[in-house]
Amino acid sequence: MKNSISEQSFYIESEEEDDEHLEKHENEEEGNESDFSNEDNNDDETNRPNSLTSAWPQSYRQSMDLYSNVPSPSLHFLGTPSLSRLGSSFFGSSLIRRHTPEVLPSLHKPLILPAEEEKAPYRRSSHGLIPPLHPRKSSIKKIPDIERPSKDAHGLPISHQSTYGQAVVNGMNVLCGVGLLSTPYAVKEGGWAGLSILFIFGILSFYTGMLLRYCLDSQPGLETYPDIGQAAFGTMGRIVISIILYVELYASCVEYMILEGDNLSAIFPNAHLSLGGFELDARHLFVLIATLAILPTVWLRDLSVLSYISVGGVIASILVVLCLYWAGLVDHVGFESKETILNLPTLPVAIGLYGFCYSGHAVFPNIYTSLADRSQFPAVLLTSFGLVTLLYGGTAVLGYLMFGDSAESQFTLNLPKELMVSKVAVWTTVVNPFTKFALTLSPVAMSLEELLPSKHTKSHLYPILIRTALTISTVVVGLAVPFFGLVMALIGSLLTMLVTLILPCVCFLRILKGKTSRLQVTICVLIITVGTASALVGSYSALSKIIQSMI
């Protein structure tokens, strides 16, 4: 699993050699500079790729690549990253082959550059499902593809090698999460007719995922969701969108803590502990134990080993669903006729739960820019959404048929404890967050570490303190608001609606203003309206129920 020097050298190209290439080309192209107008050269600095190099957050691409991908393991604790972090990957190799700006001095130079790196193509645009748009004219001189540096706007090396299959796995790994456990509960809250919301959100989310591709292709240098926000609304847009994305990730970590407490206390309901006069019940006790087990993984700076294991997230989700099917079809658990067609009073909660199922847009730009053949992105997106929607829909239908109005916020809590498949499902659910938590929290931690004064950037202590504080805070929030389904509904209504439906349309209309068709504008306005209405109604309903439950 270790990387050889030759593998590392793929990404340690000589800076001097790059400079020689660029200087040589500039000399050849001096006579052609008149092709570019003065107006282009005076473009707003916030919309130019090189302005992305100084804007916060700089760690977004690297941290989200680890969150959504599967590299080969190579780990060390917080400190200066080593060259071993540039390991090859099993699925989606191109997404995590990056490094932080402070590393990779030119220590080694390969004798022969790999063909993939020499011929790495520059951004290609291929639009198939939506009417084509004319890209903005760039103020950057055109450079032949073979001489374009394979680096993004932040100076990090980019490889365009992900295949169709790798991209689909990465997409499903992001989309297929703990929301799967709550789909039967969502049907209970919204009724059978409410299940149509899941498929409507799936269609709208697919379309907005395509819009993100248009935004990325609108000008060179855009690689991530925050880059799109900056291209649309300047530095403030980048910061606001980044904060929304990080809050969504933080809230997901809170959900992991609630999930651990609920499922472990269901396995060992009589567990308790007395400490200095304080009595800890099963749920509080197991949340604290889970925190102690998770903390060492949070302190890791190179999380590639966890990212490698996290591909099991897709497998774990499928396994839990298979356990549900086995319990229902083989062990004949439940299956009573249910007559609830539409449950209007609690339908807003179902809206939030269904919305949470499609919270993957934060990493779709990363998946797109890593594809070797970007014309495959519509198929990648369609396959990922199609498979995940079938998984969600099948689980929702079967789970509600089995448990009906007694469905819990996690269907694992409804499974009979004496069945072997129930034990497999519950323990799979319990173990999965141990690999996901650190990967989910890491982007938040790395963004805060960027704000440290320069004199503390090399310190081991401050990153550990930041990550420990974030983990403890998720425990406090999870214990204070221990309502898995309602917290998920709040996240889905407020944050996911923004990230998945509203912001992609707003950024698309802003960046490509005047270049969109009337149909595109109409669809975007419709999606923004649906997203805003869902966010307002769903957030109010979820917050009201949380407050009522705490009183």
Protein backbone atom coordinates (compact mmCIF):
# COMPACT_ATOMS: atom_id res chain seq x y z
CA MET A 1 0.00 0.00 0.00
CA LYS A 2 3.02 2.28 0.25
CA ASN A 3 3.99 4.59 -2.54
CA SER A 4 7.26 4.31 -4.37
CA ILE A 5 9.49 7.27 -5.17
CA SER A 6 8.56 6.93 -8.82
CA GLU A 7 4.87 7.27 -7.98
CA GLN A 8 5.53 10.35 -5.88
CA SER A 9 7.57 11.93 -8.61
CA PHE A 10 4.49 12.10 -10.81
CA TYR A 11 3.56 15.22 -8.87
CA ILE A 12 6.95 16.79 -8.11
CA GLU A 13 7.73 18.43 -11.37
CA SER A 14 10.45 21.01 -11.50
CA GLU A 15 9.17 24.56 -11.18
CA GLU A 16 12.07 25.76 -13.25
CA GLU A 17 11.05 23.52 -16.11
CA ASP A 18 7.49 24.85 -15.94
CA ASP A 19 8.80 28.42 -16.02
CA GLU A 20 10.95 27.64 -19.05
CA HIS A 21 7.92 26.26 -20.92
CA LEU A 22 5.82 29.28 -20.13
CA GLU A 23 8.57 31.81 -20.96
CA LYS A 24 9.26 30.09 -24.24
CA HIS A 25 5.60 30.17 -25.19
CA GLU A 26 5.20 33.80 -24.12
CA ASN A 27 8.04 34.79 -26.43
CA GLU A 28 6.39 32.97 -29.31
CA GLU A 29 3.02 34.55 -28.65
CA GLU A 30 4.07 38.18 -28.05
CA GLY A 31 3.00 39.14 -31.54
CA ASN A 32 -0.48 37.76 -30.99
CA GLU A 33 -1.36 39.59 -27.81
CA SER A 34 -3.37 42.12 -29.79
CA ASP A 35 -6.03 39.44 -30.22
CA PHE A 36 -7.21 40.20 -26.72
CA SER A 37 -9.05 43.44 -26.08
CA ASN A 38 -8.27 45.98 -23.40
CA GLU A 39 -11.73 45.44 -22.05
CA ASP A 40 -10.90 41.83 -21.26
CA ASN A 41 -7.73 42.85 -19.48
CA ASN A 42 -9.72 45.17 -17.21
CA ASP A 43 -12.16 42.51 -16.05
CA ASP A 44 -13.19 42.52 -12.42
CA GLU A 45 -10.40 40.88 -10.45
CA THR A 46 -12.80 38.73 -8.48
CA ASN A 47 -13.85 36.96 -11.66
CA ARG A 48 -10.34 36.12 -12.83
CA PRO A 49 -8.84 32.72 -12.02
CA ASN A 50 -5.67 34.10 -10.42
CA SER A 51 -7.78 35.93 -7.81
CA LEU A 52 -8.82 32.54 -6.44
CA THR A 53 -5.31 31.89 -5.17
CA SER A 54 -5.63 34.29 -2.23
CA ALA A 55 -9.26 33.77 -1.21
CA TRP A 56 -10.40 31.73 1.77
CA PRO A 57 -10.81 28.77 1.91
CA GLN A 58 -7.77 27.38 0.10
CA SER A 59 -8.08 23.87 1.56
CA TYR A 60 -11.57 23.20 0.19
CA ARG A 61 -10.60 21.15 -2.84
CA GLN A 62 -8.11 18.96 -1.00
CA SER A 63 -10.38 18.28 1.98
CA MET A 64 -13.50 17.61 -0.10
CA ASP A 65 -11.55 15.26 -2.37
CA LEU A 66 -10.66 13.17 0.67
CA TYR A 67 -14.27 13.37 1.88
CA SER A 68 -15.66 12.01 -1.38
CA ASN A 69 -12.92 9.65 -2.54
CA VAL A 70 -10.92 6.54 -1.88
CA PRO A 71 -7.13 6.87 -1.91
CA SER A 72 -4.68 4.24 -0.86
CA PRO A 73 -3.72 4.51 2.80
CA SER A 74 -0.80 6.57 4.02
CA LEU A 75 -1.13 8.18 7.41
CA HIS A 76 0.68 10.26 9.96
CA PHE A 77 -0.48 12.51 12.76
CA LEU A 78 -0.90 16.26 12.60
CA GLY A 79 2.20 18.06 11.49
CA THR A 80 3.97 18.73 8.22
CA PRO A 81 2.47 16.46 5.55
CA SER A 82 4.83 14.01 3.95
CA LEU A 83 5.19 13.08 0.33
CA SER A 84 3.41 9.83 1.08
CA ARG A 85 0.06 11.64 0.99
CA LEU A 86 0.30 11.56 -2.78
CA GLY A 87 -0.69 7.93 -2.91
CA SER A 88 -2.41 6.31 -5.81
CA SER A 89 -6.10 5.60 -5.42
CA PHE A 90 -8.27 2.58 -5.89
CA PHE A 91 -11.44 4.40 -6.92
CA GLY A 92 -11.21 7.90 -8.34
CA SER A 93 -7.45 8.32 -8.29
CA SER A 94 -7.55 11.74 -9.82
CA LEU A 95 -9.58 13.34 -7.08
CA ILE A 96 -7.19 13.04 -4.18
CA ARG A 97 -3.85 13.52 -5.86
CA ARG A 98 -3.33 16.91 -4.36
CA HIS A 99 -1.18 18.54 -1.74
CA THR A 100 -1.21 21.54 0.50
CA PRO A 101 0.53 24.63 -0.86
CA GLU A 102 3.33 24.48 1.71
CA VAL A 103 4.64 21.07 0.60
CA LEU A 104 6.27 19.43 -2.39
CA PRO A 105 9.55 21.24 -2.89
CA SER A 106 11.44 20.08 -5.94
CA LEU A 107 13.31 17.33 -4.19
CA HIS A 108 13.04 14.77 -6.94
CA LYS A 109 12.63 15.07 -10.66
CA PRO A 110 11.53 12.11 -12.76
CA LEU A 111 13.76 11.14 -15.65
CA ILE A 112 10.74 10.71 -17.90
CA LEU A 113 7.50 12.54 -17.26
CA PRO A 114 4.43 10.29 -17.27
CA ALA A 115 2.48 10.49 -20.47
CA GLU A 116 -0.73 11.34 -18.60
CA GLU A 117 0.86 14.38 -17.00
CA GLU A 118 2.57 15.57 -20.14
CA LYS A 119 -0.62 15.44 -22.14
CA ALA A 120 -3.11 16.42 -19.44
CA PRO A 121 -5.88 18.19 -21.32
CA TYR A 122 -7.09 21.59 -20.33
CA ARG A 123 -10.73 22.18 -19.44
CA ARG A 124 -13.02 20.74 -22.02
CA SER A 125 -16.65 21.58 -22.38
CA SER A 126 -19.21 19.17 -23.70
CA HIS A 127 -22.86 19.90 -23.13
CA GLY A 128 -25.45 17.39 -24.13
CA LEU A 129 -28.57 17.63 -22.00
CA ILE A 130 -29.08 21.38 -21.84
CA PRO A 131 -28.95 23.87 -24.75
CA PRO A 132 -25.38 25.08 -25.29
CA LEU A 133 -24.20 28.41 -24.00
CA HIS A 134 -21.42 30.64 -25.26
CA PRO A 135 -18.54 30.71 -22.78
CA ARG A 136 -17.14 33.98 -21.57
CA LYS A 137 -14.18 35.39 -23.35
CA SER A 138 -11.17 34.99 -21.16
CA SER A 139 -8.40 37.52 -20.68
CA ILE A 140 -5.86 34.73 -20.38
CA LYS A 141 -3.68 34.00 -23.37
CA LYS A 142 -4.38 30.76 -25.15
CA ILE A 143 -1.75 28.13 -24.57
CA PRO A 144 -1.53 24.87 -26.47
CA ASP A 145 -2.97 21.97 -24.49
CA ILE A 146 0.33 20.15 -24.28
CA GLU A 147 1.98 23.10 -22.56
CA ARG A 148 -0.79 23.95 -20.12
CA PRO A 149 0.25 23.29 -16.50
CA SER A 150 -1.91 20.59 -14.93
CA LYS A 151 -2.65 22.68 -11.84
CA ASP A 152 -5.76 24.36 -10.56
CA ALA A 153 -6.16 27.99 -9.59
CA HIS A 154 -4.64 27.30 -6.20
CA GLY A 155 -1.45 25.83 -7.60
CA LEU A 156 -2.38 22.27 -6.71
CA PRO A 157 -1.73 19.54 -9.27
CA ILE A 158 -4.79 18.29 -11.15
CA SER A 159 -5.03 14.97 -12.86
CA HIS A 160 -7.86 14.22 -15.25
CA GLN A 161 -7.93 10.44 -15.03
CA SER A 162 -11.18 9.37 -13.34
CA THR A 163 -13.14 6.88 -15.38
CA TYR A 164 -16.91 6.67 -15.67
CA GLY A 165 -17.10 3.84 -13.11
CA GLN A 166 -14.87 5.61 -10.61
CA ALA A 167 -16.91 8.79 -10.86
CA VAL A 168 -20.19 6.89 -10.33
CA VAL A 169 -18.79 5.21 -7.21
CA ASN A 170 -17.63 8.57 -5.87
CA GLY A 171 -21.02 10.12 -6.60
CA MET A 172 -22.90 7.33 -4.85
CA ASN A 173 -20.46 7.44 -1.94
CA VAL A 174 -21.46 11.07 -1.36
CA LEU A 175 -25.21 10.73 -1.98
CA CYS A 176 -25.78 7.43 -0.20
CA GLY A 177 -25.59 8.32 3.50
CA VAL A 178 -27.51 8.20 6.75
CA GLY A 179 -30.56 9.68 5.04
CA LEU A 180 -31.29 6.14 3.86
CA LEU A 181 -32.21 5.14 7.42
CA SER A 182 -34.97 7.74 7.66
CA THR A 183 -36.83 7.16 4.41
CA PRO A 184 -39.53 4.89 5.97
CA TYR A 185 -40.00 7.55 8.66
CA ALA A 186 -40.34 10.16 5.91
CA VAL A 187 -43.20 8.15 4.35
CA LYS A 188 -44.85 7.95 7.76
CA GLU A 189 -44.60 11.75 8.13
CA GLY A 190 -45.79 12.57 4.60
CA GLY A 191 -47.93 9.61 3.58
CA TRP A 192 -47.74 7.60 0.36
CA ALA A 193 -48.42 10.65 -1.80
CA GLY A 194 -45.55 12.46 -0.10
CA LEU A 195 -43.16 9.87 -1.51
CA SER A 196 -43.43 11.67 -4.85
CA ILE A 197 -41.39 14.49 -3.30
CA LEU A 198 -38.37 12.18 -3.24
CA PHE A 199 -38.50 11.68 -7.00
CA ILE A 200 -39.23 15.37 -7.69
CA PHE A 201 -36.20 16.41 -5.65
CA GLY A 202 -34.14 13.78 -7.46
CA ILE A 203 -35.02 15.28 -10.87
CA LEU A 204 -34.44 18.86 -9.73
CA SER A 205 -31.13 17.95 -8.06
CA PHE A 206 -29.91 16.25 -11.24
CA TYR A 207 -30.70 19.39 -13.24
CA THR A 208 -28.93 21.71 -10.78
CA GLY A 209 -25.93 19.38 -10.84
CA MET A 210 -25.77 19.99 -14.59
CA LEU A 211 -25.97 23.73 -13.98
CA LEU A 212 -22.86 23.53 -11.81
CA ARG A 213 -21.01 22.14 -14.83
CA TYR A 214 -22.03 25.16 -16.89
CA CYS A 215 -20.73 27.46 -14.19
CA LEU A 216 -17.40 25.63 -14.08
CA ASP A 217 -17.03 25.85 -17.85
CA SER A 218 -17.93 29.54 -17.98
CA GLN A 219 -14.33 30.63 -17.40
CA PRO A 220 -10.95 29.00 -16.78
CA GLY A 221 -9.70 28.22 -13.29
CA LEU A 222 -13.02 27.34 -11.64
CA GLU A 223 -12.70 24.00 -9.88
CA THR A 224 -14.93 23.99 -6.77
CA TYR A 225 -18.27 25.20 -5.45
CA PRO A 226 -16.66 28.17 -3.62
CA ASP A 227 -14.93 29.11 -6.90
CA ILE A 228 -18.37 29.27 -8.52
CA GLY A 229 -19.60 31.49 -5.68
CA GLN A 230 -16.67 33.85 -6.22
CA ALA A 231 -17.22 33.97 -9.96
CA ALA A 232 -20.86 34.89 -9.35
CA PHE A 233 -20.67 37.27 -6.39
CA GLY A 234 -17.02 38.04 -5.74
CA THR A 235 -15.08 37.20 -2.59
CA MET A 236 -18.13 37.64 -0.35
CA GLY A 237 -20.01 35.05 -2.42
CA ARG A 238 -17.14 32.62 -2.00
CA ILE A 239 -17.08 33.11 1.76
CA VAL A 240 -20.85 32.84 2.24
CA ILE A 241 -21.15 29.68 0.14
CA SER A 242 -18.16 28.12 1.90
CA ILE A 243 -19.70 28.81 5.32
CA ILE A 244 -23.00 27.22 4.23
CA LEU A 245 -21.17 24.13 2.97
CA TYR A 246 -19.12 23.83 6.15
CA VAL A 247 -22.18 24.23 8.40
CA GLU A 248 -23.87 21.44 6.46
CA LEU A 249 -20.87 19.16 7.04
CA TYR A 250 -20.74 20.09 10.74
CA ALA A 251 -24.45 19.32 11.12
CA SER A 252 -23.87 15.92 9.52
CA CYS A 253 -21.27 15.19 12.21
CA VAL A 254 -23.89 16.02 14.84
CA GLU A 255 -26.17 13.47 13.17
CA TYR A 256 -23.43 10.83 13.44
CA MET A 257 -23.23 11.39 17.19
CA ILE A 258 -27.00 11.12 17.62
CA LEU A 259 -27.01 7.97 15.49
CA GLU A 260 -24.29 6.34 17.62
CA GLY A 261 -26.17 7.05 20.83
CA ASP A 262 -29.52 5.81 19.51
CA ASN A 263 -28.29 2.54 18.03
CA LEU A 264 -25.81 1.56 20.75
CA SER A 265 -28.35 2.28 23.49
CA ALA A 266 -30.83 0.10 21.59
CA ILE A 267 -28.31 -2.78 21.64
CA PHE A 268 -27.43 -2.29 25.33
CA PRO A 269 -30.47 -0.52 26.84
CA ASN A 270 -29.51 -1.25 30.47
CA ALA A 271 -25.99 0.16 30.29
CA HIS A 272 -25.27 3.05 32.66
CA LEU A 273 -22.43 4.65 34.57
CA SER A 274 -22.17 6.72 37.75
CA LEU A 275 -19.39 9.30 37.88
CA GLY A 276 -19.01 11.60 40.88
CA GLY A 277 -22.70 11.71 41.54
CA PHE A 278 -23.59 12.04 37.86
CA GLU A 279 -25.66 9.24 36.38
CA LEU A 280 -25.09 8.54 32.69
CA ASP A 281 -27.83 6.59 30.93
CA ALA A 282 -27.13 4.32 27.96
CA ARG A 283 -27.43 7.02 25.29
CA HIS A 284 -25.14 9.55 27.02
CA LEU A 285 -22.65 6.84 27.93
CA PHE A 286 -22.31 5.47 24.41
CA VAL A 287 -22.03 8.91 22.84
CA LEU A 288 -19.06 9.62 25.13
CA ILE A 289 -17.50 6.23 24.34
CA ALA A 290 -17.97 6.82 20.62
CA THR A 291 -16.33 10.24 20.99
CA LEU A 292 -13.26 8.74 22.66
CA ALA A 293 -13.01 6.17 19.86
CA ILE A 294 -13.43 8.79 17.10
CA LEU A 295 -11.03 11.42 18.47
CA PRO A 296 -7.78 9.67 17.34
CA THR A 297 -9.10 9.55 13.77
CA VAL A 298 -9.90 13.27 13.90
CA TRP A 299 -6.29 14.06 14.89
CA LEU A 300 -4.96 12.45 11.72
CA ARG A 301 -3.85 15.04 9.17
CA ASP A 302 -3.62 12.61 6.28
CA LEU A 303 -7.00 10.92 6.22
CA SER A 304 -6.40 8.87 3.10
CA VAL A 305 -6.53 5.61 5.06
CA LEU A 306 -10.04 6.49 6.28
CA SER A 307 -11.00 7.70 2.82
CA TYR A 308 -9.90 4.32 1.44
CA ILE A 309 -12.07 2.51 3.97
CA SER A 310 -15.00 4.86 3.43
CA VAL A 311 -15.79 3.27 0.07
CA GLY A 312 -17.40 0.75 2.36
CA GLY A 313 -20.05 3.42 2.94
CA VAL A 314 -21.79 2.41 -0.28
CA ILE A 315 -21.39 -1.27 0.55
CA ALA A 316 -22.62 -0.68 4.11
CA SER A 317 -25.72 1.14 2.85
CA ILE A 318 -26.55 -1.69 0.46
CA LEU A 319 -25.93 -4.26 3.21
CA VAL A 320 -28.29 -2.50 5.63
CA VAL A 321 -31.00 -2.36 2.94
CA LEU A 322 -30.50 -6.07 2.19
CA CYS A 323 -30.95 -6.79 5.90
CA LEU A 324 -34.22 -4.87 5.83
CA TYR A 325 -35.41 -6.86 2.81
CA TRP A 326 -34.38 -10.14 4.44
CA ALA A 327 -36.24 -9.27 7.64
CA GLY A 328 -39.38 -8.43 5.68
CA LEU A 329 -39.43 -11.00 2.90
CA VAL A 330 -37.77 -13.98 4.62
CA ASP A 331 -38.47 -13.47 8.33
CA HIS A 332 -41.90 -11.92 7.61
CA VAL A 333 -41.55 -8.93 9.91
CA GLY A 334 -44.52 -6.55 9.71
CA PHE A 335 -46.32 -6.08 6.38
CA GLU A 336 -49.66 -4.63 7.36
CA SER A 337 -51.99 -2.72 5.06
CA LYS A 338 -51.54 1.04 5.47
CA GLU A 339 -54.17 3.55 4.41
CA THR A 340 -52.39 6.88 5.01
CA ILE A 341 -52.34 8.55 1.60
CA LEU A 342 -51.33 12.08 2.60
CA ASN A 343 -50.35 13.39 6.03
CA LEU A 344 -50.52 17.18 5.63
CA PRO A 345 -49.72 18.25 9.24
CA THR A 346 -46.28 16.58 9.17
CA LEU A 347 -45.61 16.78 5.42
CA PRO A 348 -43.06 19.62 5.91
CA VAL A 349 -40.90 17.27 7.99
CA ALA A 350 -40.99 14.75 5.14
CA ILE A 351 -39.87 17.51 2.74
CA GLY A 352 -36.74 18.08 4.81
CA LEU A 353 -36.01 14.36 5.11
CA TYR A 354 -36.33 13.80 1.37
CA GLY A 355 -34.24 16.88 0.64
CA PHE A 356 -31.42 15.59 2.85
CA CYS A 357 -31.14 12.52 0.62
CA TYR A 358 -29.59 14.58 -2.21
CA SER A 359 -26.99 16.60 -0.32
CA GLY A 360 -24.03 15.86 -2.61
CA HIS A 361 -23.62 19.02 -4.68
CA ALA A 362 -20.70 20.25 -2.60
CA VAL A 363 -18.41 17.71 -4.30
CA PHE A 364 -19.98 17.43 -7.76
CA PRO A 365 -17.61 20.10 -9.15
CA ASN A 366 -14.67 18.06 -7.86
CA ILE A 367 -15.99 14.92 -9.53
CA TYR A 368 -16.57 16.77 -12.81
CA THR A 369 -13.14 18.40 -13.00
CA SER A 370 -11.45 15.06 -12.29
CA LEU A 371 -13.07 13.16 -15.16
CA ALA A 372 -10.80 12.07 -17.97
CA ASP A 373 -13.72 12.46 -20.39
CA ARG A 374 -15.97 15.24 -19.16
CA SER A 375 -18.61 14.45 -21.76
CA GLN A 376 -19.46 11.50 -19.50
CA PHE A 377 -20.54 13.75 -16.62
CA PRO A 378 -24.27 13.75 -17.53
CA ALA A 379 -24.21 9.93 -17.62
CA VAL A 380 -22.26 9.82 -14.34
CA LEU A 381 -24.77 12.12 -12.69
CA LEU A 382 -27.77 10.27 -14.14
CA THR A 383 -26.45 6.87 -13.06
CA SER A 384 -25.57 8.05 -9.55
CA PHE A 385 -28.92 9.76 -9.00
CA GLY A 386 -30.85 6.88 -10.59
CA LEU A 387 -29.27 4.16 -8.45
CA VAL A 388 -29.45 6.17 -5.24
CA THR A 389 -33.09 7.14 -5.86
CA LEU A 390 -34.03 3.50 -6.43
CA LEU A 391 -32.24 2.58 -3.21
CA TYR A 392 -33.99 5.33 -1.26
CA GLY A 393 -37.39 4.63 -2.80
CA GLY A 394 -37.21 0.87 -2.29
CA THR A 395 -36.16 1.31 1.34
CA ALA A 396 -38.93 3.85 1.98
CA VAL A 397 -41.66 1.64 0.52
CA LEU A 398 -40.59 -1.60 2.16
CA GLY A 399 -39.79 0.00 5.50
CA TYR A 400 -43.16 1.71 5.75
CA LEU A 401 -44.99 -1.45 4.66
CA MET A 402 -43.20 -3.32 7.44
CA PHE A 403 -43.47 -0.83 10.31
CA GLY A 404 -46.23 1.56 9.29
CA ASP A 405 -46.98 4.40 11.70
CA SER A 406 -44.62 2.90 14.27
CA ALA A 407 -41.61 3.62 12.01
CA GLU A 408 -38.73 5.18 13.95
CA SER A 409 -36.42 7.91 12.67
CA GLN A 410 -33.95 5.09 11.87
CA PHE A 411 -35.46 1.85 10.66
CA THR A 412 -32.68 -0.12 12.40
CA LEU A 413 -34.43 0.74 15.68
CA ASN A 414 -37.57 -1.07 14.45
CA LEU A 415 -35.88 -4.34 13.51
CA PRO A 416 -36.49 -7.20 15.99
CA LYS A 417 -33.40 -7.47 18.18
CA GLU A 418 -33.42 -11.27 18.26
CA LEU A 419 -32.88 -11.63 14.48
CA MET A 420 -29.35 -12.06 13.15
CA VAL A 421 -30.03 -9.70 10.23
CA SER A 422 -31.06 -7.04 12.74
CA LYS A 423 -27.74 -7.35 14.52
CA VAL A 424 -25.85 -7.13 11.24
CA ALA A 425 -27.81 -4.03 10.21
CA VAL A 426 -27.40 -2.25 13.54
CA TRP A 427 -23.68 -2.96 13.90
CA THR A 428 -23.05 -1.94 10.30
CA THR A 429 -24.83 1.33 11.03
CA VAL A 430 -22.79 1.83 14.20
CA VAL A 431 -19.39 1.16 12.61
CA ASN A 432 -19.88 3.27 9.48
CA PRO A 433 -19.67 6.71 11.19
CA PHE A 434 -16.26 5.82 12.63
CA THR A 435 -14.79 6.13 9.14
CA LYS A 436 -17.06 8.97 8.01
CA PHE A 437 -16.85 11.34 10.96
CA ALA A 438 -13.23 12.48 10.56
CA LEU A 439 -13.59 12.83 6.78
CA THR A 440 -16.74 14.93 7.22
CA LEU A 441 -15.26 17.15 9.93
CA SER A 442 -11.87 17.59 8.29
CA PRO A 443 -12.94 20.25 5.72
CA VAL A 444 -14.35 22.36 8.55
CA ALA A 445 -11.20 21.96 10.63
CA MET A 446 -8.84 22.70 7.75
CA SER A 447 -10.74 25.88 6.87
CA LEU A 448 -10.35 27.12 10.46
CA GLU A 449 -6.67 26.18 10.49
CA GLU A 450 -6.16 28.51 7.54
CA LEU A 451 -7.19 31.41 9.77
CA LEU A 452 -4.39 30.76 12.26
CA PRO A 453 -1.60 33.36 12.37
CA SER A 454 1.35 32.43 10.17
CA LYS A 455 3.57 31.81 13.19
CA HIS A 456 1.27 28.94 14.28
CA THR A 457 0.80 27.25 10.92
CA LYS A 458 3.57 24.70 11.56
CA SER A 459 2.41 23.92 15.07
CA HIS A 460 1.05 20.49 15.91
CA LEU A 461 -0.89 21.72 18.92
CA TYR A 462 -3.33 24.21 17.40
CA PRO A 463 -4.80 21.86 14.74
CA ILE A 464 -5.32 19.21 17.41
CA LEU A 465 -7.06 21.73 19.67
CA ILE A 466 -9.30 22.94 16.83
CA ARG A 467 -10.33 19.41 15.83
CA THR A 468 -10.86 18.34 19.42
CA ALA A 469 -13.01 21.40 20.13
CA LEU A 470 -15.11 20.77 17.02
CA THR A 471 -15.66 17.13 17.97
CA ILE A 472 -16.64 17.99 21.55
CA SER A 473 -19.02 20.65 20.26
CA THR A 474 -20.80 18.09 18.05
CA VAL A 475 -21.21 15.89 21.14
CA VAL A 476 -22.71 18.77 23.12
CA VAL A 477 -25.13 19.67 20.34
CA GLY A 478 -26.02 16.02 19.73
CA LEU A 479 -26.80 15.43 23.41
CA ALA A 480 -28.73 18.69 23.70
CA VAL A 481 -30.84 18.02 20.58
CA PRO A 482 -31.05 14.21 20.40
CA PHE A 483 -33.72 14.05 17.71
CA PHE A 484 -32.22 12.31 14.70
CA GLY A 485 -35.16 12.67 12.34
CA LEU A 486 -35.99 16.27 13.22
CA VAL A 487 -32.36 17.43 13.01
CA MET A 488 -32.09 15.72 9.63
CA ALA A 489 -35.29 17.43 8.49
CA LEU A 490 -33.86 20.80 9.57
CA ILE A 491 -30.59 20.19 7.71
CA GLY A 492 -32.46 19.04 4.62
CA SER A 493 -34.90 21.95 4.66
CA LEU A 494 -32.50 24.78 5.37
CA LEU A 495 -28.98 23.84 4.23
CA THR A 496 -29.57 21.20 1.56
CA MET A 497 -32.20 23.31 -0.19
CA LEU A 498 -29.68 26.14 -0.39
CA VAL A 499 -26.74 24.03 -1.59
CA THR A 500 -28.68 21.71 -3.89
CA LEU A 501 -31.51 23.76 -5.39
CA ILE A 502 -31.24 27.49 -4.76
CA LEU A 503 -27.55 28.41 -5.04
CA PRO A 504 -26.77 26.46 -8.26
CA CYS A 505 -29.61 28.27 -10.05
CA VAL A 506 -28.72 31.68 -8.63
CA CYS A 507 -25.02 31.30 -9.54
CA PHE A 508 -25.91 30.01 -13.00
CA LEU A 509 -28.15 32.98 -13.75
CA ARG A 510 -25.57 35.41 -12.38
CA ILE A 511 -22.48 34.02 -14.11
CA LEU A 512 -24.15 33.45 -17.48
CA LYS A 513 -26.39 36.49 -17.41
CA GLY A 514 -27.51 37.39 -20.91
CA LYS A 515 -26.37 34.05 -22.34
CA THR A 516 -29.21 31.87 -21.10
CA SER A 517 -32.36 30.90 -22.96
CA ARG A 518 -35.81 31.86 -21.76
CA LEU A 519 -36.54 28.22 -20.97
CA GLN A 520 -33.46 27.96 -18.77
CA VAL A 521 -34.37 31.12 -16.88
CA THR A 522 -37.92 29.87 -16.36
CA ILE A 523 -36.74 26.49 -15.05
CA CYS A 524 -34.22 28.13 -12.72
CA VAL A 525 -36.81 30.54 -11.32
CA LEU A 526 -39.19 27.62 -10.78
CA ILE A 527 -36.51 25.62 -8.93
CA ILE A 528 -35.56 28.63 -6.80
CA THR A 529 -39.22 29.08 -5.89
CA VAL A 530 -39.65 25.41 -4.97
CA GLY A 531 -36.41 25.42 -2.97
CA THR A 532 -37.25 28.61 -1.11
CA ALA A 533 -40.77 27.47 -0.24
CA SER A 534 -39.50 24.06 0.91
CA ALA A 535 -36.77 25.68 3.00
CA LEU A 536 -39.16 28.06 4.76
CA VAL A 537 -41.93 25.56 5.44
CA GLY A 538 -39.64 22.66 6.30
CA SER A 539 -37.31 24.67 8.57
CA TYR A 540 -40.21 26.21 10.51
CA SER A 541 -41.86 22.83 11.01
CA ALA A 542 -38.64 21.07 12.08
CA LEU A 543 -37.64 23.87 14.48
CA SER A 544 -41.12 23.94 16.01
CA LYS A 545 -41.09 20.21 16.67
CA ILE A 546 -37.54 20.34 18.09
CA ILE A 547 -38.53 23.11 20.51
CA GLN A 548 -41.71 21.26 21.52
CA SER A 549 -39.72 18.08 22.14
CA MET A 550 -37.19 19.91 24.34
CA ILE A 551 -39.80 21.63 26.52
